[in-house]
Amino acid sequence: NAKNTLYLQMNSLKPEDTAVYYCNAHSSYRGDY
């Protein structure tokens, strides 16, 4: 939180993990975003 950063540590990677990885944030503040 201090760095405003989200992480995904990925170990034991497999070929089927190959993809474009997207970060997502959801907000329900004054709507649904």
All heavy atoms as atom14 arrays in JSON, in Angstrom:
{
  "sequence": "NAKNTLYLQMNSLKPEDTAVYYCNAHSSYRGDY",
  "atom14_mask": [
    [1, 1, 1, 1, 1, 1, 1, 1, 0, 0, 0, 0, 0, 0],
    [1, 1, 1, 1, 1, 0, 0, 0, 0, 0, 0, 0, 0, 0],
    [1, 1, 1, 1, 1, 1, 1, 1, 1, 0, 0, 0, 0, 0],
    [1, 1, 1, 1, 1, 1, 1, 1, 0, 0, 0, 0, 0, 0],
    [1, 1, 1, 1, 1, 1, 1, 0, 0, 0, 0, 0, 0, 0],
    [1, 1, 1, 1, 1, 1, 1, 1, 0, 0, 0, 0, 0, 0],
    [1, 1, 1, 1, 1, 1, 1, 1, 1, 1, 1, 1, 0, 0],
    [1, 1, 1, 1, 1, 1, 1, 1, 0, 0, 0, 0, 0, 0],
    [1, 1, 1, 1, 1, 1, 1, 1, 1, 0, 0, 0, 0, 0],
    [1, 1, 1, 1, 1, 1, 1, 1, 0, 0, 0, 0, 0, 0],
    [1, 1, 1, 1, 1, 1, 1, 1, 0, 0, 0, 0, 0, 0],
    [1, 1, 1, 1, 1, 1, 0, 0, 0, 0, 0, 0, 0, 0],
    [1, 1, 1, 1, 1, 1, 1, 1, 0, 0, 0, 0, 0, 0],
    [1, 1, 1, 1, 1, 1, 1, 1, 1, 0, 0, 0, 0, 0],
    [1, 1, 1, 1, 1, 1, 1, 0, 0, 0, 0, 0, 0, 0],
    [1, 1, 1, 1, 1, 1, 1, 1, 1, 0, 0, 0, 0, 0],
    [1, 1, 1, 1, 1, 1, 1, 1, 0, 0, 0, 0, 0, 0],
    [1, 1, 1, 1, 1, 1, 1, 0, 0, 0, 0, 0, 0, 0],
    [1, 1, 1, 1, 1, 0, 0, 0, 0, 0, 0, 0, 0, 0],
    [1, 1, 1, 1, 1, 1, 1, 0, 0, 0, 0, 0, 0, 0],
    [1, 1, 1, 1, 1, 1, 1, 1, 1, 1, 1, 1, 0, 0],
    [1, 1, 1, 1, 1, 1, 1, 1, 1, 1, 1, 1, 0, 0],
    [1, 1, 1, 1, 1, 1, 0, 0, 0, 0, 0, 0, 0, 0],
    [1, 1, 1, 1, 1, 1, 1, 1, 0, 0, 0, 0, 0, 0],
    [1, 1, 1, 1, 1, 0, 0, 0, 0, 0, 0, 0, 0, 0],
    [1, 1, 1, 1, 1, 1, 1, 1, 1, 1, 0, 0, 0, 0],
    [1, 1, 1, 1, 1, 1, 0, 0, 0, 0, 0, 0, 0, 0],
    [1, 1, 1, 1, 1, 1, 0, 0, 0, 0, 0, 0, 0, 0],
    [1, 1, 1, 1, 1, 1, 1, 1, 1, 1, 1, 1, 0, 0],
    [1, 1, 1, 1, 1, 1, 1, 1, 1, 1, 1, 0, 0, 0],
    [1, 1, 1, 1, 0, 0, 0, 0, 0, 0, 0, 0, 0, 0],
    [1, 1, 1, 1, 1, 1, 1, 1, 0, 0, 0, 0, 0, 0],
    [1, 1, 1, 1, 1, 1, 1, 1, 1, 1, 1, 1, 0, 0]
  ],
  "atom14_positions": [
    [[0.81, -1.21, 0.0], [0.0, 0.0, 0.0], [0.85, 1.27, 0.0], [0.47, 2.28, -0.6], [-0.94, 0.01, 1.2], [-2.04, -1.02, 1.09], [-2.43, -1.43, 0.0], [-2.56, -1.46, 2.24], [0.0, 0.0, 0.0], [0.0, 0.0, 0.0], [0.0, 0.0, 0.0], [0.0, 0.0, 0.0], [0.0, 0.0, 0.0], [0.0, 0.0, 0.0]],
    [[1.98, 1.22, 0.68], [2.84, 2.4, 0.73], [3.38, 2.76, -0.64], [3.65, 3.93, -0.92], [3.99, 2.16, 1.71], [0.0, 0.0, 0.0], [0.0, 0.0, 0.0], [0.0, 0.0, 0.0], [0.0, 0.0, 0.0], [0.0, 0.0, 0.0], [0.0, 0.0, 0.0], [0.0, 0.0, 0.0], [0.0, 0.0, 0.0], [0.0, 0.0, 0.0]],
    [[3.56, 1.76, -1.48], [4.07, 1.99, -2.82], [2.99, 2.0, -3.89], [3.29, 2.16, -5.07], [5.1, 0.92, -3.18], [6.34, 0.93, -2.3], [7.32, -0.15, -2.73], [8.57, -0.11, -1.87], [9.54, -1.17, -2.26], [0.0, 0.0, 0.0], [0.0, 0.0, 0.0], [0.0, 0.0, 0.0], [0.0, 0.0, 0.0], [0.0, 0.0, 0.0]],
    [[1.74, 1.81, -3.47], [0.61, 1.76, -4.4], [0.86, 0.75, -5.52], [0.61, 1.03, -6.7], [0.33, 3.15, -4.99], [-0.09, 4.15, -3.94], [-0.77, 3.81, -2.98], [0.31, 5.4, -4.13], [0.0, 0.0, 0.0], [0.0, 0.0, 0.0], [0.0, 0.0, 0.0], [0.0, 0.0, 0.0], [0.0, 0.0, 0.0], [0.0, 0.0, 0.0]],
    [[1.34, -0.4, -5.12], [1.74, -1.4, -6.1], [1.16, -2.76, -5.77], [1.18, -3.19, -4.61], [3.28, -1.49, -6.17], [3.81, -0.21, -6.52], [3.7, -2.5, -7.22], [0.0, 0.0, 0.0], [0.0, 0.0, 0.0], [0.0, 0.0, 0.0], [0.0, 0.0, 0.0], [0.0, 0.0, 0.0], [0.0, 0.0, 0.0], [0.0, 0.0, 0.0]],
    [[0.67, -3.41, -6.78], [0.16, -4.78, -6.71], [1.2, -5.7, -7.35], [1.82, -5.34, -8.35], [-1.16, -4.87, -7.47], [-1.85, -6.23, -7.51], [-2.49, -6.55, -6.17], [-2.89, -6.25, -8.62], [0.0, 0.0, 0.0], [0.0, 0.0, 0.0], [0.0, 0.0, 0.0], [0.0, 0.0, 0.0], [0.0, 0.0, 0.0], [0.0, 0.0, 0.0]],
    [[1.34, -6.89, -6.78], [2.32, -7.84, -7.28], [1.67, -9.19, -7.58], [0.66, -9.56, -6.98], [3.43, -8.08, -6.26], [4.18, -6.84, -5.87], [3.88, -6.16, -4.69], [5.21, -6.35, -6.67], [4.58, -5.03, -4.32], [5.91, -5.21, -6.31], [5.6, -4.56, -5.14], [6.29, -3.43, -4.77], [0.0, 0.0, 0.0], [0.0, 0.0, 0.0]],
    [[2.28, -9.89, -8.49], [1.96, -11.29, -8.7], [3.27, -12.05, -8.81], [3.98, -11.93, -9.8], [1.12, -11.5, -9.97], [0.66, -12.93, -10.21], [-0.36, -13.35, -9.15], [0.06, -13.08, -11.61], [0.0, 0.0, 0.0], [0.0, 0.0, 0.0], [0.0, 0.0, 0.0], [0.0, 0.0, 0.0], [0.0, 0.0, 0.0], [0.0, 0.0, 0.0]],
    [[3.58, -12.81, -7.77], [4.75, -13.66, -7.78], [4.36, -14.98, -8.43], [3.44, -15.66, -7.96], [5.25, -13.91, -6.35], [6.46, -14.83, -6.27], [7.69, -14.25, -6.91], [8.03, -13.1, -6.65], [8.37, -15.03, -7.74], [0.0, 0.0, 0.0], [0.0, 0.0, 0.0], [0.0, 0.0, 0.0], [0.0, 0.0, 0.0], [0.0, 0.0, 0.0]],
    [[5.05, -15.34, -9.48], [4.74, -16.53, -10.24], [5.93, -17.47, -10.17], [7.02, -17.15, -10.65], [4.4, -16.19, -11.69], [3.27, -15.18, -11.83], [2.79, -14.92, -13.56], [4.28, -14.14, -14.17], [0.0, 0.0, 0.0], [0.0, 0.0, 0.0], [0.0, 0.0, 0.0], [0.0, 0.0, 0.0], [0.0, 0.0, 0.0], [0.0, 0.0, 0.0]],
    [[5.72, -18.62, -9.58], [6.75, -19.64, -9.46], [6.34, -20.89, -10.22], [5.17, -21.08, -10.55], [7.0, -19.99, -8.0], [7.47, -18.82, -7.17], [8.22, -17.96, -7.66], [7.07, -18.77, -5.91], [0.0, 0.0, 0.0], [0.0, 0.0, 0.0], [0.0, 0.0, 0.0], [0.0, 0.0, 0.0], [0.0, 0.0, 0.0], [0.0, 0.0, 0.0]],
    [[7.3, -21.75, -10.47], [7.05, -23.01, -11.16], [6.24, -22.81, -12.41], [5.25, -23.5, -12.67], [6.34, -23.99, -10.21], [7.11, -24.23, -9.05], [0.0, 0.0, 0.0], [0.0, 0.0, 0.0], [0.0, 0.0, 0.0], [0.0, 0.0, 0.0], [0.0, 0.0, 0.0], [0.0, 0.0, 0.0], [0.0, 0.0, 0.0], [0.0, 0.0, 0.0]],
    [[6.65, -21.86, -13.21], [5.89, -21.49, -14.39], [5.84, -22.62, -15.41], [6.8, -23.37, -15.57], [6.47, -20.24, -15.02], [6.1, -18.95, -14.29], [7.05, -17.82, -14.66], [4.66, -18.56, -14.6], [0.0, 0.0, 0.0], [0.0, 0.0, 0.0], [0.0, 0.0, 0.0], [0.0, 0.0, 0.0], [0.0, 0.0, 0.0], [0.0, 0.0, 0.0]],
    [[4.71, -22.71, -16.07], [4.45, -23.72, -17.07], [4.16, -23.05, -18.41], [3.71, -21.91, -18.45], [3.25, -24.57, -16.66], [3.37, -25.23, -15.31], [2.08, -25.95, -14.93], [2.2, -26.6, -13.57], [0.93, -27.29, -13.19], [0.0, 0.0, 0.0], [0.0, 0.0, 0.0], [0.0, 0.0, 0.0], [0.0, 0.0, 0.0], [0.0, 0.0, 0.0]],
    [[4.38, -23.75, -19.51], [4.06, -23.17, -20.82], [2.63, -22.67, -20.92], [2.38, -21.66, -21.58], [4.33, -24.31, -21.79], [5.4, -25.1, -21.13], [5.07, -25.05, -19.66], [0.0, 0.0, 0.0], [0.0, 0.0, 0.0], [0.0, 0.0, 0.0], [0.0, 0.0, 0.0], [0.0, 0.0, 0.0], [0.0, 0.0, 0.0], [0.0, 0.0, 0.0]],
    [[1.7, -23.34, -20.26], [0.31, -22.93, -20.31], [0.04, -21.64, -19.55], [-1.06, -21.1, -19.61], [-0.62, -24.04, -19.81], [-0.2, -24.66, -18.5], [0.6, -25.94, -18.69], [1.53, -25.95, -19.51], [0.29, -26.94, -18.01], [0.0, 0.0, 0.0], [0.0, 0.0, 0.0], [0.0, 0.0, 0.0], [0.0, 0.0, 0.0], [0.0, 0.0, 0.0]],
    [[1.03, -21.13, -18.82], [0.91, -19.83, -18.19], [1.2, -18.69, -19.16], [1.01, -17.52, -18.81], [1.86, -19.71, -16.99], [1.52, -20.68, -15.88], [0.32, -20.85, -15.57], [2.47, -21.26, -15.3], [0.0, 0.0, 0.0], [0.0, 0.0, 0.0], [0.0, 0.0, 0.0], [0.0, 0.0, 0.0], [0.0, 0.0, 0.0], [0.0, 0.0, 0.0]],
    [[1.65, -19.02, -20.35], [1.96, -18.0, -21.34], [0.71, -17.22, -21.69], [-0.31, -17.78, -22.07], [2.54, -18.65, -22.6], [3.8, -19.25, -22.29], [2.76, -17.61, -23.7], [0.0, 0.0, 0.0], [0.0, 0.0, 0.0], [0.0, 0.0, 0.0], [0.0, 0.0, 0.0], [0.0, 0.0, 0.0], [0.0, 0.0, 0.0], [0.0, 0.0, 0.0]],
    [[0.78, -15.92, -21.55], [-0.36, -15.04, -21.79], [0.07, -13.6, -21.59], [1.16, -13.32, -21.09], [-1.51, -15.37, -20.82], [0.0, 0.0, 0.0], [0.0, 0.0, 0.0], [0.0, 0.0, 0.0], [0.0, 0.0, 0.0], [0.0, 0.0, 0.0], [0.0, 0.0, 0.0], [0.0, 0.0, 0.0], [0.0, 0.0, 0.0], [0.0, 0.0, 0.0]],
    [[-0.81, -12.71, -21.99], [-0.68, -11.33, -21.58], [-1.39, -11.2, -20.24], [-2.55, -11.59, -20.1], [-1.3, -10.35, -22.6], [-1.21, -8.92, -22.1], [-0.59, -10.49, -23.94], [0.0, 0.0, 0.0], [0.0, 0.0, 0.0], [0.0, 0.0, 0.0], [0.0, 0.0, 0.0], [0.0, 0.0, 0.0], [0.0, 0.0, 0.0], [0.0, 0.0, 0.0]],
    [[-0.69, -10.66, -19.27], [-1.24, -10.51, -17.93], [-1.65, -9.07, -17.71], [-0.88, -8.14, -17.96], [-0.2, -10.93, -16.88], [-0.08, -12.43, -16.76], [0.52, -13.17, -17.77], [-0.58, -13.1, -15.65], [0.62, -14.55, -17.67], [-0.48, -14.48, -15.54], [0.12, -15.2, -16.56], [0.22, -16.57, -16.45], [0.0, 0.0, 0.0], [0.0, 0.0, 0.0]],
    [[-2.87, -8.9, -17.23], [-3.45, -7.59, -17.03], [-3.74, -7.34, -15.56], [-4.29, -8.2, -14.87], [-4.77, -7.45, -17.8], [-4.63, -7.57, -19.3], [-4.77, -8.8, -19.92], [-4.39, -6.45, -20.07], [-4.66, -8.91, -21.3], [-4.28, -6.55, -21.45], [-4.41, -7.78, -22.05], [-4.31, -7.88, -23.42], [0.0, 0.0, 0.0], [0.0, 0.0, 0.0]],
    [[-3.41, -6.17, -15.12], [-3.79, -5.71, -13.8], [-5.18, -5.1, -13.86], [-5.52, -4.39, -14.81], [-2.77, -4.67, -13.32], [-3.07, -4.0, -11.67], [0.0, 0.0, 0.0], [0.0, 0.0, 0.0], [0.0, 0.0, 0.0], [0.0, 0.0, 0.0], [0.0, 0.0, 0.0], [0.0, 0.0, 0.0], [0.0, 0.0, 0.0], [0.0, 0.0, 0.0]],
    [[-5.98, -5.39, -12.85], [-7.35, -4.9, -12.8], [-7.65, -4.3, -11.43], [-7.19, -4.81, -10.41], [-8.33, -6.05, -13.07], [-9.76, -5.71, -12.72], [-10.23, -6.01, -11.62], [-10.46, -5.08, -13.64], [0.0, 0.0, 0.0], [0.0, 0.0, 0.0], [0.0, 0.0, 0.0], [0.0, 0.0, 0.0], [0.0, 0.0, 0.0], [0.0, 0.0, 0.0]],
    [[-8.4, -3.24, -11.44], [-8.92, -2.66, -10.21], [-10.41, -2.45, -10.36], [-10.86, -1.94, -11.39], [-8.23, -1.34, -9.89], [0.0, 0.0, 0.0], [0.0, 0.0, 0.0], [0.0, 0.0, 0.0], [0.0, 0.0, 0.0], [0.0, 0.0, 0.0], [0.0, 0.0, 0.0], [0.0, 0.0, 0.0], [0.0, 0.0, 0.0], [0.0, 0.0, 0.0]],
    [[-11.15, -2.85, -9.35], [-12.6, -2.69, -9.37], [-13.02, -1.65, -8.36], [-12.5, -1.62, -7.24], [-13.31, -4.01, -9.08], [-14.8, -3.87, -9.11], [-15.55, -3.69, -7.97], [-15.68, -3.87, -10.14], [-16.82, -3.58, -8.3], [-16.92, -3.69, -9.61], [0.0, 0.0, 0.0], [0.0, 0.0, 0.0], [0.0, 0.0, 0.0], [0.0, 0.0, 0.0]],
    [[-13.96, -0.82, -8.77], [-14.49, 0.2, -7.88], [-16.01, 0.22, -7.97], [-16.57, 0.16, -9.07], [-13.94, 1.58, -8.24], [-14.56, 2.58, -7.45], [0.0, 0.0, 0.0], [0.0, 0.0, 0.0], [0.0, 0.0, 0.0], [0.0, 0.0, 0.0], [0.0, 0.0, 0.0], [0.0, 0.0, 0.0], [0.0, 0.0, 0.0], [0.0, 0.0, 0.0]],
    [[-16.66, 0.3, -6.82], [-18.1, 0.49, -6.77], [-18.46, 1.89, -6.29], [-19.61, 2.15, -5.95], [-18.75, -0.56, -5.86], [-18.23, -0.49, -4.55], [0.0, 0.0, 0.0], [0.0, 0.0, 0.0], [0.0, 0.0, 0.0], [0.0, 0.0, 0.0], [0.0, 0.0, 0.0], [0.0, 0.0, 0.0], [0.0, 0.0, 0.0], [0.0, 0.0, 0.0]],
    [[-17.49, 2.77, -6.29], [-17.7, 4.14, -5.86], [-18.44, 4.91, -6.95], [-17.94, 5.08, -8.06], [-16.36, 4.81, -5.55], [-16.46, 6.25, -5.13], [-17.01, 6.6, -3.91], [-15.98, 7.27, -5.95], [-17.1, 7.93, -3.52], [-16.06, 8.59, -5.57], [-16.62, 8.92, -4.35], [-16.69, 10.24, -3.97], [0.0, 0.0, 0.0], [0.0, 0.0, 0.0]],
    [[-19.66, 5.32, -6.61], [-20.5, 6.09, -7.52], [-20.71, 5.37, -8.85], [-20.74, 5.97, -9.92], [-19.92, 7.49, -7.76], [-19.91, 8.35, -6.51], [-19.45, 9.76, -6.8], [-19.52, 10.61, -5.62], [-19.2, 11.9, -5.61], [-18.79, 12.49, -6.73], [-19.28, 12.59, -4.49], [0.0, 0.0, 0.0], [0.0, 0.0, 0.0], [0.0, 0.0, 0.0]],
    [[-20.86, 4.06, -8.75], [-21.08, 3.27, -9.94], [-20.43, 1.92, -9.82], [-20.27, 1.37, -8.73], [0.0, 0.0, 0.0], [0.0, 0.0, 0.0], [0.0, 0.0, 0.0], [0.0, 0.0, 0.0], [0.0, 0.0, 0.0], [0.0, 0.0, 0.0], [0.0, 0.0, 0.0], [0.0, 0.0, 0.0], [0.0, 0.0, 0.0], [0.0, 0.0, 0.0]],
    [[-20.07, 1.38, -10.96], [-19.45, 0.07, -11.02], [-18.41, 0.12, -12.13], [-18.77, 0.14, -13.31], [-20.5, -1.0, -11.3], [-19.99, -2.41, -11.08], [-18.82, -2.58, -10.7], [-20.78, -3.35, -11.29], [0.0, 0.0, 0.0], [0.0, 0.0, 0.0], [0.0, 0.0, 0.0], [0.0, 0.0, 0.0], [0.0, 0.0, 0.0], [0.0, 0.0, 0.0]],
    [[-17.15, 0.15, -11.74], [-16.08, 0.39, -12.71], [-14.99, -0.66, -12.62], [-14.68, -1.16, -11.54], [-15.45, 1.76, -12.47], [-16.42, 2.91, -12.56], [-17.0, 3.43, -11.41], [-16.74, 3.48, -13.79], [-17.89, 4.5, -11.48], [-17.63, 4.53, -13.87], [-18.2, 5.04, -12.71], [-19.07, 6.1, -12.79], [0.0, 0.0, 0.0], [0.0, 0.0, 0.0]]
  ]
}
